[in-house]
């Protein structure tokens, strides 16, 4: 089952998402986390913490699970 992450805005950055999903404890950890873990957005690997995520985007993080952005 996917974990749903609720946002109140149209988009959220990958770095903000990681903090919101409790994957990292601070925004400063995003760059390190993305360099150490495989993150796939809608099936495409992406390491950019500024990548914009929108409602219905699916984020797969190896070893941590699958997340879906919802409003």
PDB file of N, CA and C in Angstrom:
ATOM      1  N   UNK A   1       0.832  -1.191   0.000  1.00  0.00           N
ATOM      2  CA  UNK A   1       0.000   0.000   0.000  1.00  0.00           C
ATOM      3  C   UNK A   1       0.876   1.255   0.000  1.00  0.00           C
ATOM      4  N   UNK A   2       0.435   2.262  -0.728  1.00  0.00           N
ATOM      5  CA  UNK A   2       1.195   3.505  -0.819  1.00  0.00           C
ATOM      6  C   UNK A   2       0.928   4.389   0.387  1.00  0.00           C
ATOM      7  N   UNK A   3       1.937   5.129   0.786  1.00  0.00           N
ATOM      8  CA  UNK A   3       1.784   6.132   1.828  1.00  0.00           C
ATOM      9  C   UNK A   3       1.342   7.425   1.153  1.00  0.00           C
ATOM     10  N   UNK A   4       0.275   8.036   1.644  1.00  0.00           N
ATOM     11  CA  UNK A   4      -0.198   9.281   1.053  1.00  0.00           C
ATOM     12  C   UNK A   4       0.392  10.465   1.813  1.00  0.00           C
ATOM     13  N   UNK A   5       0.932  11.409   1.053  1.00  0.00           N
ATOM     14  CA  UNK A   5       1.484  12.623   1.626  1.00  0.00           C
ATOM     15  C   UNK A   5       0.627  13.782   1.139  1.00  0.00           C
ATOM     16  N   UNK A   6      -0.032  14.456   2.081  1.00  0.00           N
ATOM     17  CA  UNK A   6      -0.982  15.518   1.727  1.00  0.00           C
ATOM     18  C   UNK A   6      -0.268  16.862   1.645  1.00  0.00           C
ATOM     19  N   UNK A   7      -0.550  17.597   0.546  1.00  0.00           N
ATOM     20  CA  UNK A   7       0.000  18.944   0.399  1.00  0.00           C
ATOM     21  C   UNK A   7      -1.156  19.933   0.230  1.00  0.00           C
ATOM     22  N   UNK A   8      -0.907  21.182   0.591  1.00  0.00           N
ATOM     23  CA  UNK A   8      -1.921  22.232   0.484  1.00  0.00           C
ATOM     24  C   UNK A   8      -1.654  23.167  -0.690  1.00  0.00           C
ATOM     25  N   UNK A   9      -0.538  22.963  -1.378  1.00  0.00           N
ATOM     26  CA  UNK A   9      -0.154  23.812  -2.498  1.00  0.00           C
ATOM     27  C   UNK A   9      -0.195  22.992  -3.790  1.00  0.00           C
ATOM     28  N   UNK A  10      -0.010  23.650  -4.932  1.00  0.00           N
ATOM     29  CA  UNK A  10      -0.048  22.944  -6.216  1.00  0.00           C
ATOM     30  C   UNK A  10       1.161  22.029  -6.391  1.00  0.00           C
ATOM     31  N   UNK A  11       2.307  22.484  -5.905  1.00  0.00           N
ATOM     32  CA  UNK A  11       3.538  21.697  -6.049  1.00  0.00           C
ATOM     33  C   UNK A  11       4.324  21.740  -4.748  1.00  0.00           C
ATOM     34  N   UNK A  12       5.282  20.822  -4.646  1.00  0.00           N
ATOM     35  CA  UNK A  12       6.200  20.764  -3.509  1.00  0.00           C
ATOM     36  C   UNK A  12       7.527  20.263  -4.076  1.00  0.00           C
ATOM     37  N   UNK A  13       8.645  20.731  -3.535  1.00  0.00           N
ATOM     38  CA  UNK A  13       9.929  20.239  -4.043  1.00  0.00           C
ATOM     39  C   UNK A  13      10.233  18.872  -3.431  1.00  0.00           C
ATOM     40  N   UNK A  14      11.096  18.143  -4.084  1.00  0.00           N
ATOM     41  CA  UNK A  14      11.494  16.829  -3.582  1.00  0.00           C
ATOM     42  C   UNK A  14      12.106  16.958  -2.187  1.00  0.00           C
ATOM     43  N   UNK A  15      12.904  17.994  -1.967  1.00  0.00           N
ATOM     44  CA  UNK A  15      13.492  18.225  -0.640  1.00  0.00           C
ATOM     45  C   UNK A  15      12.438  18.459   0.425  1.00  0.00           C
ATOM     46  N   UNK A  16      11.410  19.270   0.098  1.00  0.00           N
ATOM     47  CA  UNK A  16      10.321  19.523   1.042  1.00  0.00           C
ATOM     48  C   UNK A  16       9.537  18.239   1.300  1.00  0.00           C
ATOM     49  N   UNK A  17       9.328  17.462   0.233  1.00  0.00           N
ATOM     50  CA  UNK A  17       8.607  16.197   0.369  1.00  0.00           C
ATOM     51  C   UNK A  17       9.320  15.261   1.354  1.00  0.00           C
ATOM     52  N   UNK A  18      10.636  15.127   1.217  1.00  0.00           N
ATOM     53  CA  UNK A  18      11.391  14.219   2.090  1.00  0.00           C
ATOM     54  C   UNK A  18      11.210  14.588   3.557  1.00  0.00           C
ATOM     55  N   UNK A  19      11.184  15.889   3.851  1.00  0.00           N
ATOM     56  CA  UNK A  19      10.987  16.338   5.227  1.00  0.00           C
ATOM     57  C   UNK A  19       9.544  16.090   5.668  1.00  0.00           C
ATOM     58  N   UNK A  20       8.579  16.409   4.813  1.00  0.00           N
ATOM     59  CA  UNK A  20       7.168  16.217   5.129  1.00  0.00           C
ATOM     60  C   UNK A  20       6.842  14.747   5.382  1.00  0.00           C
ATOM     61  N   UNK A  21       7.494  13.855   4.645  1.00  0.00           N
ATOM     62  CA  UNK A  21       7.251  12.421   4.772  1.00  0.00           C
ATOM     63  C   UNK A  21       8.057  11.798   5.921  1.00  0.00           C
ATOM     64  N   UNK A  22       8.772  12.635   6.677  1.00  0.00           N
ATOM     65  CA  UNK A  22       9.617  12.177   7.788  1.00  0.00           C
ATOM     66  C   UNK A  22      10.725  11.231   7.347  1.00  0.00           C
ATOM     67  N   UNK A  23      11.175  11.396   6.112  1.00  0.00           N
ATOM     68  CA  UNK A  23      12.297  10.597   5.612  1.00  0.00           C
ATOM     69  C   UNK A  23      13.603  11.205   6.130  1.00  0.00           C
ATOM     70  N   UNK A  24      13.641  12.541   6.195  1.00  0.00           N
ATOM     71  CA  UNK A  24      14.793  13.262   6.758  1.00  0.00           C
ATOM     72  C   UNK A  24      14.280  14.187   7.854  1.00  0.00           C
ATOM     73  N   UNK A  25      15.175  14.600   8.744  1.00  0.00           N
ATOM     74  CA  UNK A  25      14.737  15.435   9.857  1.00  0.00           C
ATOM     75  C   UNK A  25      14.887  16.925   9.573  1.00  0.00           C
ATOM     76  N   UNK A  26      15.720  17.279   8.597  1.00  0.00           N
ATOM     77  CA  UNK A  26      15.877  18.699   8.258  1.00  0.00           C
ATOM     78  C   UNK A  26      16.118  18.844   6.773  1.00  0.00           C
ATOM     79  N   UNK A  27      15.763  20.013   6.250  1.00  0.00           N
ATOM     80  CA  UNK A  27      15.946  20.274   4.827  1.00  0.00           C
ATOM     81  C   UNK A  27      17.398  20.155   4.391  1.00  0.00           C
ATOM     82  N   UNK A  28      18.313  20.450   5.294  1.00  0.00           N
ATOM     83  CA  UNK A  28      19.734  20.372   4.967  1.00  0.00           C
ATOM     84  C   UNK A  28      20.214  18.958   4.664  1.00  0.00           C
ATOM     85  N   UNK A  29      19.443  17.973   5.070  1.00  0.00           N
ATOM     86  CA  UNK A  29      19.836  16.575   4.823  1.00  0.00           C
ATOM     87  C   UNK A  29      19.436  16.095   3.428  1.00  0.00           C
ATOM     88  N   UNK A  30      18.628  16.875   2.714  1.00  0.00           N
ATOM     89  CA  UNK A  30      18.084  16.428   1.422  1.00  0.00           C
ATOM     90  C   UNK A  30      19.176  16.083   0.419  1.00  0.00           C
ATOM     91  N   UNK A  31      20.151  16.953   0.274  1.00  0.00           N
ATOM     92  CA  UNK A  31      21.217  16.720  -0.716  1.00  0.00           C
ATOM     93  C   UNK A  31      21.961  15.422  -0.401  1.00  0.00           C
ATOM     94  N   UNK A  32      22.315  15.234   0.862  1.00  0.00           N
ATOM     95  CA  UNK A  32      23.005  14.012   1.263  1.00  0.00           C
ATOM     96  C   UNK A  32      22.121  12.790   1.011  1.00  0.00           C
ATOM     97  N   UNK A  33      20.870  12.848   1.445  1.00  0.00           N
ATOM     98  CA  UNK A  33      19.964  11.714   1.293  1.00  0.00           C
ATOM     99  C   UNK A  33      19.845  11.306  -0.178  1.00  0.00           C
ATOM    100  N   UNK A  34      19.667  12.289  -1.054  1.00  0.00           N
ATOM    101  CA  UNK A  34      19.484  11.997  -2.475  1.00  0.00           C
ATOM    102  C   UNK A  34      20.759  11.443  -3.110  1.00  0.00           C
ATOM    103  N   UNK A  35      21.916  11.770  -2.548  1.00  0.00           N
ATOM    104  CA  UNK A  35      23.164  11.220  -3.088  1.00  0.00           C
ATOM    105  C   UNK A  35      23.397   9.787  -2.619  1.00  0.00           C
ATOM    106  N   UNK A  36      22.748   9.396  -1.519  1.00  0.00           N
ATOM    107  CA  UNK A  36      22.959   8.068  -0.932  1.00  0.00           C
ATOM    108  C   UNK A  36      21.851   7.063  -1.236  1.00  0.00           C
ATOM    109  N   UNK A  37      20.681   7.526  -1.692  1.00  0.00           N
ATOM    110  CA  UNK A  37      19.530   6.648  -1.903  1.00  0.00           C
ATOM    111  C   UNK A  37      18.968   6.790  -3.308  1.00  0.00           C
ATOM    112  N   UNK A  38      18.431   5.691  -3.836  1.00  0.00           N
ATOM    113  CA  UNK A  38      17.787   5.734  -5.143  1.00  0.00           C
ATOM    114  C   UNK A  38      16.346   6.193  -4.951  1.00  0.00           C
ATOM    115  N   UNK A  39      15.996   7.290  -5.626  1.00  0.00           N
ATOM    116  CA  UNK A  39      14.649   7.842  -5.554  1.00  0.00           C
ATOM    117  C   UNK A  39      14.084   7.880  -6.968  1.00  0.00           C
ATOM    118  N   UNK A  40      12.892   7.326  -7.135  1.00  0.00           N
ATOM    119  CA  UNK A  40      12.233   7.306  -8.440  1.00  0.00           C
ATOM    120  C   UNK A  40      10.931   8.081  -8.352  1.00  0.00           C
ATOM    121  N   UNK A  41      10.728   8.990  -9.285  1.00  0.00           N
ATOM    122  CA  UNK A  41       9.494   9.764  -9.362  1.00  0.00           C
ATOM    123  C   UNK A  41       8.778   9.343 -10.631  1.00  0.00           C
ATOM    124  N   UNK A  42       7.596   8.770 -10.464  1.00  0.00           N
ATOM    125  CA  UNK A  42       6.818   8.248 -11.602  1.00  0.00           C
ATOM    126  C   UNK A  42       7.669   7.319 -12.464  1.00  0.00           C
ATOM    127  N   UNK A  43       8.489   6.479 -11.808  1.00  0.00           N
ATOM    128  CA  UNK A  43       9.296   5.493 -12.504  1.00  0.00           C
ATOM    129  C   UNK A  43      10.621   5.993 -13.042  1.00  0.00           C
ATOM    130  N   UNK A  44      10.905   7.271 -12.876  1.00  0.00           N
ATOM    131  CA  UNK A  44      12.132   7.871 -13.401  1.00  0.00           C
ATOM    132  C   UNK A  44      13.030   8.292 -12.241  1.00  0.00           C
ATOM    133  N   UNK A  45      14.286   7.848 -12.281  1.00  0.00           N
ATOM    134  CA  UNK A  45      15.195   8.197 -11.187  1.00  0.00           C
ATOM    135  C   UNK A  45      15.497   9.694 -11.228  1.00  0.00           C
ATOM    136  N   UNK A  46      15.496  10.311 -10.065  1.00  0.00           N
ATOM    137  CA  UNK A  46      15.771  11.752  -9.981  1.00  0.00           C
ATOM    138  C   UNK A  46      16.486  12.047  -8.674  1.00  0.00           C
ATOM    139  N   UNK A  47      17.537  12.845  -8.745  1.00  0.00           N
ATOM    140  CA  UNK A  47      18.319  13.200  -7.561  1.00  0.00           C
ATOM    141  C   UNK A  47      18.222  14.692  -7.256  1.00  0.00           C
ATOM    142  N   UNK A  48      17.381  15.423  -7.959  1.00  0.00           N
ATOM    143  CA  UNK A  48      17.309  16.876  -7.794  1.00  0.00           C
ATOM    144  C   UNK A  48      16.359  17.239  -6.658  1.00  0.00           C
ATOM    145  N   UNK A  49      16.902  17.846  -5.599  1.00  0.00           N
ATOM    146  CA  UNK A  49      16.045  18.184  -4.456  1.00  0.00           C
ATOM    147  C   UNK A  49      15.049  19.279  -4.809  1.00  0.00           C
ATOM    148  N   UNK A  50      15.299  20.032  -5.866  1.00  0.00           N
ATOM    149  CA  UNK A  50      14.385  21.079  -6.297  1.00  0.00           C
ATOM    150  C   UNK A  50      13.319  20.593  -7.270  1.00  0.00           C
ATOM    151  N   UNK A  51      13.341  19.303  -7.594  1.00  0.00           N
ATOM    152  CA  UNK A  51      12.346  18.741  -8.521  1.00  0.00           C
ATOM    153  C   UNK A  51      10.942  19.006  -7.994  1.00  0.00           C
ATOM    154  N   UNK A  52      10.084  19.566  -8.837  1.00  0.00           N
ATOM    155  CA  UNK A  52       8.713  19.880  -8.428  1.00  0.00           C
ATOM    156  C   UNK A  52       7.851  18.625  -8.471  1.00  0.00           C
ATOM    157  N   UNK A  53       7.151  18.353  -7.393  1.00  0.00           N
ATOM    158  CA  UNK A  53       6.217  17.237  -7.317  1.00  0.00           C
ATOM    159  C   UNK A  53       4.811  17.813  -7.273  1.00  0.00           C
ATOM    160  N   UNK A  54       3.862  17.115  -7.896  1.00  0.00           N
ATOM    161  CA  UNK A  54       2.484  17.585  -7.898  1.00  0.00           C
ATOM    162  C   UNK A  54       1.558  16.451  -7.481  1.00  0.00           C
ATOM    163  N   UNK A  55       0.283  16.767  -7.301  1.00  0.00           N
ATOM    164  CA  UNK A  55      -0.710  15.783  -6.883  1.00  0.00           C
ATOM    165  C   UNK A  55      -0.692  14.597  -7.848  1.00  0.00           C
ATOM    166  N   UNK A  56      -0.778  13.399  -7.291  1.00  0.00           N
ATOM    167  CA  UNK A  56      -0.764  12.111  -8.001  1.00  0.00           C
ATOM    168  C   UNK A  56       0.626  11.634  -8.407  1.00  0.00           C
ATOM    169  N   UNK A  57       1.674  12.418  -8.146  1.00  0.00           N
ATOM    170  CA  UNK A  57       3.024  11.917  -8.415  1.00  0.00           C
ATOM    171  C   UNK A  57       3.314  10.777  -7.449  1.00  0.00           C
ATOM    172  N   UNK A  58       4.026   9.770  -7.961  1.00  0.00           N
ATOM    173  CA  UNK A  58       4.368   8.586  -7.177  1.00  0.00           C
ATOM    174  C   UNK A  58       5.874   8.578  -6.940  1.00  0.00           C
ATOM    175  N   UNK A  59       6.272   8.498  -5.693  1.00  0.00           N
ATOM    176  CA  UNK A  59       7.685   8.521  -5.328  1.00  0.00           C
ATOM    177  C   UNK A  59       8.042   7.178  -4.699  1.00  0.00           C
ATOM    178  N   UNK A  60       9.007   6.494  -5.308  1.00  0.00           N
ATOM    179  CA  UNK A  60       9.504   5.223  -4.778  1.00  0.00           C
ATOM    180  C   UNK A  60      10.897   5.452  -4.217  1.00  0.00           C
ATOM    181  N   UNK A  61      11.099   5.089  -2.968  1.00  0.00           N
ATOM    182  CA  UNK A  61      12.413   5.200  -2.337  1.00  0.00           C
ATOM    183  C   UNK A  61      12.821   3.800  -1.921  1.00  0.00           C
ATOM    184  N   UNK A  62      13.893   3.297  -2.541  1.00  0.00           N
ATOM    185  CA  UNK A  62      14.352   1.936  -2.261  1.00  0.00           C
ATOM    186  C   UNK A  62      14.578   1.757  -0.766  1.00  0.00           C
ATOM    187  N   UNK A  63      13.964   0.741  -0.209  1.00  0.00           N
ATOM    188  CA  UNK A  63      14.128   0.419   1.197  1.00  0.00           C
ATOM    189  C   UNK A  63      13.180   1.153   2.131  1.00  0.00           C
ATOM    190  N   UNK A  64      12.490   2.181   1.643  1.00  0.00           N
ATOM    191  CA  UNK A  64      11.587   2.944   2.505  1.00  0.00           C
ATOM    192  C   UNK A  64      10.139   2.850   2.072  1.00  0.00           C
ATOM    193  N   UNK A  65       9.886   2.589   0.792  1.00  0.00           N
ATOM    194  CA  UNK A  65       8.509   2.427   0.360  1.00  0.00           C
ATOM    195  C   UNK A  65       8.096   3.364  -0.757  1.00  0.00           C
ATOM    196  N   UNK A  66       6.797   3.372  -0.993  1.00  0.00           N
ATOM    197  CA  UNK A  66       6.195   4.152  -2.052  1.00  0.00           C
ATOM    198  C   UNK A  66       5.262   5.192  -1.465  1.00  0.00           C
ATOM    199  N   UNK A  67       5.342   6.384  -2.000  1.00  0.00           N
ATOM    200  CA  UNK A  67       4.540   7.505  -1.513  1.00  0.00           C
ATOM    201  C   UNK A  67       3.784   8.123  -2.686  1.00  0.00           C
ATOM    202  N   UNK A  68       2.601   8.661  -2.414  1.00  0.00           N
ATOM    203  CA  UNK A  68       1.816   9.343  -3.434  1.00  0.00           C
ATOM    204  C   UNK A  68       1.410  10.702  -2.884  1.00  0.00           C
ATOM    205  N   UNK A  69       1.564  11.741  -3.716  1.00  0.00           N
ATOM    206  CA  UNK A  69       1.171  13.091  -3.319  1.00  0.00           C
ATOM    207  C   UNK A  69      -0.337  13.239  -3.510  1.00  0.00           C
ATOM    208  N   UNK A  70      -1.033  13.689  -2.475  1.00  0.00           N
ATOM    209  CA  UNK A  70      -2.480  13.925  -2.553  1.00  0.00           C
ATOM    210  C   UNK A  70      -2.773  15.340  -2.044  1.00  0.00           C
ATOM    211  N   UNK A  71      -3.960  15.820  -2.379  1.00  0.00           N
ATOM    212  CA  UNK A  71      -4.345  17.151  -1.905  1.00  0.00           C
ATOM    213  C   UNK A  71      -5.240  17.018  -0.694  1.00  0.00           C
TER     214      UNK A  71
END
